[in-house]
Amino acid sequence: MMKYLKIFSFLFIVAAVQSCISADEDPVSVPPFTGSVSDPAVDGATQPNQVWIDLSDVNPDTKKVNQAINKRTDWDLGFYSGDDYRVVLNGSIAMAVSKIPNATNINNVKEADVSSLMNQVVVGPFGTSVLQYVDNPNGNFLTQTTGIAPIKENDADNPVYLLSLGKNIGSATNVSPGSVSLSGSSRGWKKIQILRAPNGYKIRYANLNDTTFKEYIITKDAEYTFNFFSFTAGSTLQIQPKKKNWDLAFTTFTNEVVDPSTGVSAGSYFFADFVLTNTANGVGAYQVNAVGNLDQAYKSFKLSDVDASKLISNDQRAIGDKWRTTTGTTEVDGAFVYANRFFVLKDAEGFYFKLRFNKMKNQDGERGHPNFEFEPL
């Protein structure tokens, strides 16, 4: 009888608590009770997909993490929904941008006016001067001085830009094991000008030799970090999940190459197999170097072992490419996952997780097939 009374009391308390929650209040987030395994659908050696993952969003049936997936070419620009007026490039397709000197009227700009500039606005390891044409790879877009400048209140203060649309997704079908084929043909160029609009932005855009521009209004949406715009669609579309509904993203990425021995930058470079963290909404992570056996070190790691002072919350590359290496030229000694480290992640809700990467290739040696496991701490 006592056992049933306890059960009844517990159910009564649960019902009472639930009744106190307003119907239009979001439920309190809780981490998954057990760990899970994820196979992000990057989709092979051309790595066509961006994959957004929330470690707390585990499918109750499959016991795997749900994924939000889009093609890398689905979007071009991201428009910040916060108080500031900032615009970011699609670094997953190697986009780049530059102000057009002395240009004030977008309709007057012709390809001949920017032909020399087109040779400079590129992504590649061609010296540090190239970094001015891309977003700061650390993800701190609110304070960056590269890429597109903050959008000014006075229309006349907003420049006309030359925008490289980057590269199409690679189309190679016979990629050597351990290699990737990320970039296809050029996606071309646009001339653009971005102005403020009530609670949002107004983008003007055209092909380089067009004498009239198209215009589109982008309204801020406080539920999302960015509203994403596509020139192909001529409209906005959803790419990232809501602000706090993703922790990790698997993507290709425009990064900065730095010589580890000298600390000297070689400029921008296009990376495969990259993992971003949602630092814009408070996600932090750090690497744990395993002493001895990785399995044992990972399994024994507890919440009390977390060193919060090591969390990197101001650089979206906290995991980045640190989980894998691409040294070597054959399937045997080429790309592989490091077997001496795992990572700690603190999500936007303040929950801690440990995660380890298990593979980056399938059984045939094809890149773009990552796998990782994680557990809440």
Protein backbone atom coordinates (compact mmCIF):
# COMPACT_ATOMS: atom_id res chain seq x y z
CA MET A 1 0.00 0.00 0.00
CA MET A 2 2.81 2.41 0.89
CA LYS A 3 4.41 1.88 -2.53
CA TYR A 4 1.19 2.85 -4.32
CA LEU A 5 0.74 5.89 -2.10
CA LYS A 6 4.23 7.08 -3.07
CA ILE A 7 3.46 6.60 -6.75
CA PHE A 8 0.16 8.49 -6.38
CA SER A 9 1.87 11.33 -4.52
CA PHE A 10 4.55 11.62 -7.19
CA LEU A 11 1.98 11.77 -9.99
CA PHE A 12 -0.02 14.38 -8.10
CA ILE A 13 3.08 16.59 -7.68
CA VAL A 14 3.96 16.27 -11.37
CA ALA A 15 0.43 17.23 -12.38
CA ALA A 16 0.44 20.18 -10.01
CA VAL A 17 3.73 21.49 -11.37
CA GLN A 18 2.54 21.12 -14.95
CA SER A 19 -0.66 22.99 -14.20
CA CYS A 20 1.39 25.98 -13.02
CA ILE A 21 3.08 26.35 -16.40
CA SER A 22 1.28 28.73 -18.73
CA ALA A 23 0.23 27.25 -22.03
CA ASP A 24 2.31 29.80 -23.94
CA GLU A 25 5.46 29.38 -21.87
CA ASP A 26 8.32 27.34 -23.32
CA PRO A 27 8.98 24.16 -21.36
CA VAL A 28 12.15 24.08 -19.31
CA SER A 29 14.99 22.55 -21.32
CA VAL A 30 16.50 19.36 -19.99
CA PRO A 31 19.46 17.44 -21.32
CA PRO A 32 19.01 13.87 -22.59
CA PHE A 33 19.16 11.33 -19.78
CA THR A 34 21.62 9.13 -21.64
CA GLY A 35 24.26 9.65 -24.25
CA SER A 36 23.77 9.21 -27.95
CA VAL A 37 25.62 8.67 -31.21
CA SER A 38 25.33 10.97 -34.22
CA ASP A 39 26.13 10.49 -37.89
CA PRO A 40 25.91 14.03 -39.29
CA ALA A 41 24.64 13.86 -42.88
CA VAL A 42 27.53 15.79 -44.45
CA ASP A 43 27.04 13.44 -47.42
CA GLY A 44 30.40 12.47 -48.78
CA ALA A 45 33.57 13.83 -50.31
CA THR A 46 31.95 16.92 -51.87
CA GLN A 47 30.48 17.71 -48.43
CA PRO A 48 27.35 19.39 -49.88
CA ASN A 49 25.48 19.75 -46.60
CA GLN A 50 25.60 21.96 -43.55
CA VAL A 51 24.32 20.09 -40.50
CA TRP A 52 23.06 21.80 -37.32
CA ILE A 53 22.83 19.73 -34.13
CA ASP A 54 21.32 20.33 -30.70
CA LEU A 55 22.74 17.79 -28.26
CA SER A 56 19.54 17.98 -26.19
CA ASP A 57 17.33 17.09 -29.15
CA VAL A 58 17.51 13.30 -29.15
CA ASN A 59 14.90 11.35 -31.11
CA PRO A 60 13.09 9.11 -28.59
CA ASP A 61 12.61 6.35 -31.16
CA THR A 62 16.01 6.17 -32.84
CA LYS A 63 17.95 7.42 -29.79
CA LYS A 64 19.97 9.56 -32.18
CA VAL A 65 20.28 13.33 -32.37
CA ASN A 66 17.91 15.11 -34.73
CA GLN A 67 19.60 17.13 -37.47
CA ALA A 68 18.71 20.30 -39.37
CA ILE A 69 20.25 20.06 -42.84
CA ASN A 70 20.65 22.44 -45.77
CA LYS A 71 22.73 22.57 -48.94
CA ARG A 72 25.72 24.91 -48.64
CA THR A 73 24.51 26.84 -51.69
CA ASP A 74 21.00 27.43 -50.30
CA TRP A 75 21.92 30.85 -48.92
CA ASP A 76 24.23 33.79 -49.58
CA LEU A 77 23.99 36.36 -46.78
CA GLY A 78 22.94 36.26 -43.13
CA PHE A 79 21.23 39.33 -41.63
CA TYR A 80 21.58 39.73 -37.86
CA SER A 81 18.33 39.88 -35.92
CA GLY A 82 19.74 41.53 -32.79
CA ASP A 83 20.01 45.23 -31.97
CA ASP A 84 23.00 45.81 -34.25
CA TYR A 85 22.84 45.90 -38.04
CA ARG A 86 25.38 43.37 -39.26
CA VAL A 87 25.52 41.10 -42.30
CA VAL A 88 27.66 37.96 -42.72
CA LEU A 89 28.83 36.01 -45.76
CA ASN A 90 28.30 32.35 -46.54
CA GLY A 91 31.78 31.11 -45.68
CA SER A 92 30.81 27.52 -46.50
CA ILE A 93 31.06 28.33 -50.22
CA ALA A 94 34.09 30.67 -49.99
CA MET A 95 32.31 33.97 -50.53
CA ALA A 96 34.23 37.25 -50.35
CA VAL A 97 33.33 40.95 -50.53
CA SER A 98 34.90 44.38 -50.99
CA LYS A 99 33.74 47.98 -51.05
CA ILE A 100 33.87 49.45 -54.54
CA PRO A 101 35.97 52.64 -54.33
CA ASN A 102 34.11 55.87 -55.11
CA ALA A 103 30.87 54.04 -55.96
CA THR A 104 27.69 55.67 -54.63
CA ASN A 105 25.09 54.60 -57.20
CA ILE A 106 24.74 50.85 -57.65
CA ASN A 107 23.24 51.26 -61.13
CA ASN A 108 26.33 53.06 -62.42
CA VAL A 109 28.80 50.27 -61.55
CA LYS A 110 29.94 48.10 -64.48
CA GLU A 111 32.15 45.03 -64.63
CA ALA A 112 34.90 47.08 -66.28
CA ASP A 113 35.00 49.32 -63.20
CA VAL A 114 35.82 46.39 -60.87
CA SER A 115 37.83 44.03 -63.11
CA SER A 116 41.07 44.58 -61.21
CA LEU A 117 39.29 44.20 -57.88
CA MET A 118 37.85 40.86 -58.99
CA ASN A 119 41.36 39.40 -58.98
CA GLN A 120 41.79 40.33 -55.31
CA VAL A 121 38.44 39.41 -53.79
CA VAL A 122 39.11 35.69 -53.47
CA VAL A 123 39.56 33.01 -50.82
CA GLY A 124 42.96 31.35 -50.77
CA PRO A 125 46.33 31.39 -48.96
CA PHE A 126 47.54 34.51 -50.78
CA GLY A 127 48.73 36.63 -47.87
CA THR A 128 47.04 38.43 -45.02
CA SER A 129 45.58 41.16 -47.24
CA VAL A 130 42.94 38.68 -48.40
CA LEU A 131 41.49 38.44 -44.88
CA GLN A 132 39.84 41.85 -45.24
CA TYR A 133 37.44 40.39 -47.80
CA VAL A 134 36.01 37.63 -45.59
CA ASP A 135 34.31 37.46 -42.20
CA ASN A 136 36.47 37.06 -39.14
CA PRO A 137 36.70 33.26 -38.78
CA ASN A 138 36.38 33.45 -34.99
CA GLY A 139 32.71 34.28 -35.49
CA ASN A 140 32.74 37.60 -33.60
CA PHE A 141 30.77 39.34 -36.33
CA LEU A 142 29.57 42.19 -34.10
CA THR A 143 33.09 43.57 -33.70
CA GLN A 144 34.77 42.49 -36.94
CA THR A 145 36.33 45.10 -39.21
CA THR A 146 36.40 42.84 -42.27
CA GLY A 147 33.66 41.73 -44.67
CA ILE A 148 30.56 43.94 -44.80
CA ALA A 149 30.68 47.02 -42.57
CA PRO A 150 27.91 47.77 -40.04
CA ILE A 151 24.83 49.07 -41.84
CA LYS A 152 24.52 52.81 -41.19
CA GLU A 153 21.33 54.71 -40.45
CA ASN A 154 22.00 57.25 -43.20
CA ASP A 155 21.50 55.56 -46.60
CA ALA A 156 24.29 57.58 -48.22
CA ASP A 157 26.82 56.21 -45.73
CA ASN A 158 26.35 52.62 -46.92
CA PRO A 159 28.78 51.69 -49.71
CA VAL A 160 28.26 49.67 -52.85
CA TYR A 161 30.03 46.31 -52.63
CA LEU A 162 31.52 43.84 -55.07
CA LEU A 163 30.40 40.40 -53.89
CA SER A 164 32.01 37.14 -54.97
CA LEU A 165 29.37 34.41 -54.69
CA GLY A 166 32.07 31.80 -54.14
CA LYS A 167 32.02 28.31 -55.62
CA ASN A 168 29.35 25.77 -56.41
CA ILE A 169 29.48 22.43 -54.64
CA GLY A 170 32.00 20.05 -56.19
CA SER A 171 30.64 17.51 -58.64
CA ALA A 172 33.46 14.96 -58.72
CA THR A 173 32.23 11.37 -58.42
CA ASN A 174 35.54 9.52 -58.25
CA VAL A 175 37.32 11.24 -55.39
CA SER A 176 40.35 9.37 -54.09
CA PRO A 177 39.87 7.79 -50.65
CA GLY A 178 40.78 10.25 -47.92
CA SER A 179 40.43 13.27 -50.23
CA VAL A 180 37.67 15.82 -50.84
CA SER A 181 36.31 17.76 -53.81
CA LEU A 182 34.68 20.80 -52.27
CA SER A 183 34.59 23.46 -54.97
CA GLY A 184 32.99 23.38 -58.37
CA SER A 185 32.46 26.19 -60.85
CA SER A 186 32.32 29.86 -59.92
CA ARG A 187 28.92 31.12 -58.78
CA GLY A 188 29.68 34.54 -60.26
CA TRP A 189 29.44 38.06 -58.91
CA LYS A 190 26.91 40.59 -57.66
CA LYS A 191 27.00 44.28 -56.86
CA ILE A 192 25.04 45.01 -53.70
CA GLN A 193 24.11 47.81 -51.35
CA ILE A 194 22.47 47.23 -47.96
CA LEU A 195 20.41 49.85 -46.16
CA ARG A 196 18.38 49.91 -42.99
CA ALA A 197 14.61 49.39 -43.05
CA PRO A 198 12.06 49.46 -40.21
CA ASN A 199 13.11 46.57 -37.93
CA GLY A 200 15.33 45.15 -40.62
CA TYR A 201 17.25 45.68 -43.82
CA LYS A 202 16.79 46.62 -47.44
CA ILE A 203 19.11 44.90 -49.89
CA ARG A 204 19.68 46.18 -53.40
CA TYR A 205 21.43 43.78 -55.78
CA ALA A 206 22.17 43.25 -59.45
CA ASN A 207 24.54 41.54 -61.86
CA LEU A 208 27.62 43.61 -62.59
CA ASN A 209 26.47 45.06 -65.92
CA ASP A 210 22.80 45.53 -65.01
CA THR A 211 21.58 49.13 -65.05
CA THR A 212 18.69 48.53 -62.63
CA PHE A 213 18.75 46.75 -59.29
CA LYS A 214 16.35 44.42 -57.51
CA GLU A 215 15.32 45.20 -53.94
CA TYR A 216 14.15 43.06 -51.03
CA ILE A 217 13.13 43.89 -47.44
CA ILE A 218 14.43 41.59 -44.69
CA THR A 219 12.67 41.84 -41.33
CA LYS A 220 14.47 40.89 -38.12
CA ASP A 221 13.12 37.83 -36.30
CA ALA A 222 14.11 37.76 -32.63
CA GLU A 223 13.76 33.97 -32.45
CA TYR A 224 16.73 33.51 -34.77
CA THR A 225 20.28 34.85 -34.78
CA PHE A 226 20.16 35.51 -38.52
CA ASN A 227 17.66 35.77 -41.34
CA PHE A 228 19.24 34.22 -44.42
CA PHE A 229 18.86 35.56 -47.94
CA SER A 230 19.34 33.77 -51.25
CA PHE A 231 19.94 35.60 -54.54
CA THR A 232 18.77 32.49 -56.39
CA ALA A 233 15.44 32.41 -54.56
CA GLY A 234 15.22 36.19 -54.33
CA SER A 235 13.92 35.84 -50.78
CA THR A 236 14.75 34.80 -47.23
CA LEU A 237 14.71 31.22 -46.01
CA GLN A 238 15.38 29.35 -42.78
CA ILE A 239 18.85 27.87 -42.44
CA GLN A 240 19.96 27.76 -38.81
CA PRO A 241 17.53 26.53 -36.15
CA LYS A 242 16.28 28.99 -33.54
CA LYS A 243 18.92 30.79 -31.46
CA LYS A 244 19.42 28.24 -28.70
CA ASN A 245 18.34 25.18 -30.67
CA TRP A 246 21.75 24.23 -31.98
CA ASP A 247 25.13 23.60 -30.39
CA LEU A 248 27.32 22.27 -33.22
CA ALA A 249 27.44 22.72 -36.97
CA PHE A 250 29.28 20.49 -39.44
CA THR A 251 30.27 22.49 -42.50
CA THR A 252 33.00 23.52 -44.88
CA PHE A 253 34.54 26.76 -43.72
CA THR A 254 36.57 29.82 -44.72
CA ASN A 255 39.31 29.91 -42.10
CA GLU A 256 42.62 31.63 -41.53
CA VAL A 257 45.78 29.58 -41.93
CA VAL A 258 48.47 30.24 -39.33
CA ASP A 259 51.91 28.62 -39.27
CA PRO A 260 51.96 26.80 -35.91
CA SER A 261 55.72 27.12 -35.59
CA THR A 262 55.91 30.87 -36.21
CA GLY A 263 52.37 32.13 -35.58
CA VAL A 264 52.49 33.95 -38.92
CA SER A 265 49.26 34.12 -40.91
CA ALA A 266 49.22 32.86 -44.49
CA GLY A 267 45.77 34.31 -45.20
CA SER A 268 42.39 32.71 -45.82
CA TYR A 269 41.89 29.07 -46.74
CA PHE A 270 38.91 26.79 -47.37
CA PHE A 271 38.54 23.90 -44.90
CA ALA A 272 36.63 20.62 -45.05
CA ASP A 273 35.31 18.62 -42.07
CA PHE A 274 34.90 21.68 -39.86
CA VAL A 275 32.87 21.93 -36.64
CA LEU A 276 31.51 25.27 -35.45
CA THR A 277 30.04 26.00 -32.02
CA ASN A 278 27.15 28.40 -31.43
CA THR A 279 29.16 31.07 -29.62
CA ALA A 280 26.66 33.77 -30.61
CA ASN A 281 24.28 32.20 -28.09
CA GLY A 282 26.64 31.19 -25.31
CA VAL A 283 27.95 27.78 -26.36
CA GLY A 284 31.51 27.07 -25.25
CA ALA A 285 33.84 24.10 -25.67
CA TYR A 286 37.37 22.95 -24.96
CA GLN A 287 39.64 20.04 -25.76
CA VAL A 288 40.64 17.43 -23.20
CA ASN A 289 43.89 15.63 -23.92
CA ALA A 290 43.56 12.02 -22.84
CA VAL A 291 46.30 10.58 -20.67
CA GLY A 292 46.77 6.95 -21.57
CA ASN A 293 43.84 5.03 -23.03
CA LEU A 294 41.21 7.27 -24.68
CA ASP A 295 38.31 4.93 -23.91
CA GLN A 296 39.17 4.85 -20.25
CA ALA A 297 39.79 8.59 -20.02
CA TYR A 298 36.52 9.42 -21.77
CA LYS A 299 34.37 7.00 -19.79
CA SER A 300 35.76 8.09 -16.44
CA PHE A 301 35.39 11.85 -17.10
CA LYS A 302 32.73 13.36 -14.79
CA LEU A 303 31.11 16.74 -14.25
CA SER A 304 33.47 17.36 -11.35
CA ASP A 305 36.38 17.04 -13.81
CA VAL A 306 35.18 19.97 -15.92
CA ASP A 307 37.48 23.00 -15.88
CA ALA A 308 35.12 25.85 -16.77
CA SER A 309 38.06 28.26 -17.09
CA LYS A 310 39.13 26.39 -20.24
CA LEU A 311 35.82 26.88 -22.06
CA ILE A 312 36.25 28.82 -25.31
CA SER A 313 33.11 30.89 -25.77
CA ASN A 314 34.52 33.69 -27.93
CA ASP A 315 35.73 31.65 -30.90
CA GLN A 316 33.41 29.40 -32.91
CA ARG A 317 36.44 27.28 -33.87
CA ALA A 318 36.85 25.83 -30.36
CA ILE A 319 36.45 22.38 -31.94
CA GLY A 320 37.01 23.42 -35.57
CA ASP A 321 39.46 21.04 -37.21
CA LYS A 322 41.03 19.92 -33.93
CA TRP A 323 39.14 16.63 -33.98
CA ARG A 324 40.81 15.29 -37.15
CA THR A 325 43.95 15.47 -39.25
CA THR A 326 44.50 15.22 -43.00
CA THR A 327 48.21 14.45 -43.09
CA GLY A 328 49.30 11.69 -45.41
CA THR A 329 48.35 10.92 -48.99
CA THR A 330 46.80 7.45 -48.95
CA GLU A 331 43.75 5.81 -47.46
CA VAL A 332 45.99 4.11 -44.90
CA ASP A 333 47.90 7.10 -43.57
CA GLY A 334 45.62 9.92 -44.75
CA ALA A 335 42.70 11.65 -43.06
CA PHE A 336 41.75 10.22 -39.68
CA VAL A 337 40.26 11.17 -36.31
CA TYR A 338 42.65 11.89 -33.45
CA ALA A 339 42.62 9.10 -30.89
CA ASN A 340 44.12 11.09 -28.01
CA ARG A 341 41.45 13.69 -27.24
CA PHE A 342 37.81 14.42 -26.59
CA PHE A 343 35.85 17.62 -25.95
CA VAL A 344 33.72 19.25 -23.30
CA LEU A 345 30.82 21.43 -24.41
CA LYS A 346 28.58 23.75 -22.41
CA ASP A 347 25.35 24.48 -24.27
CA ALA A 348 23.26 27.65 -24.34
CA GLU A 349 21.14 26.38 -21.44
CA GLY A 350 24.17 25.77 -19.25
CA PHE A 351 24.27 21.97 -19.51
CA TYR A 352 27.62 20.21 -19.90
CA PHE A 353 28.40 17.38 -22.30
CA LYS A 354 31.45 15.34 -23.16
CA LEU A 355 31.86 14.24 -26.75
CA ARG A 356 34.33 12.26 -28.78
CA PHE A 357 34.72 11.82 -32.51
CA ASN A 358 34.96 8.29 -33.83
CA LYS A 359 35.35 8.59 -37.59
CA MET A 360 35.37 10.95 -40.57
CA LYS A 361 35.22 8.39 -43.41
CA ASN A 362 33.00 5.48 -44.36
CA GLN A 363 34.19 1.91 -44.84
CA ASP A 364 35.36 2.73 -48.38
CA GLY A 365 37.61 5.54 -47.12
CA GLU A 366 35.35 8.32 -48.41
CA ARG A 367 35.51 11.56 -46.42
CA GLY A 368 32.39 13.40 -45.32
CA HIS A 369 30.96 10.64 -43.13
CA PRO A 370 31.63 11.82 -39.56
CA ASN A 371 30.48 10.08 -36.42
CA PHE A 372 30.61 11.24 -32.83
CA GLU A 373 29.19 10.18 -29.48
CA PHE A 374 28.33 12.24 -26.44
CA GLU A 375 27.01 12.06 -22.91
CA PRO A 376 25.49 14.70 -20.63
CA LEU A 377 27.58 15.38 -17.53
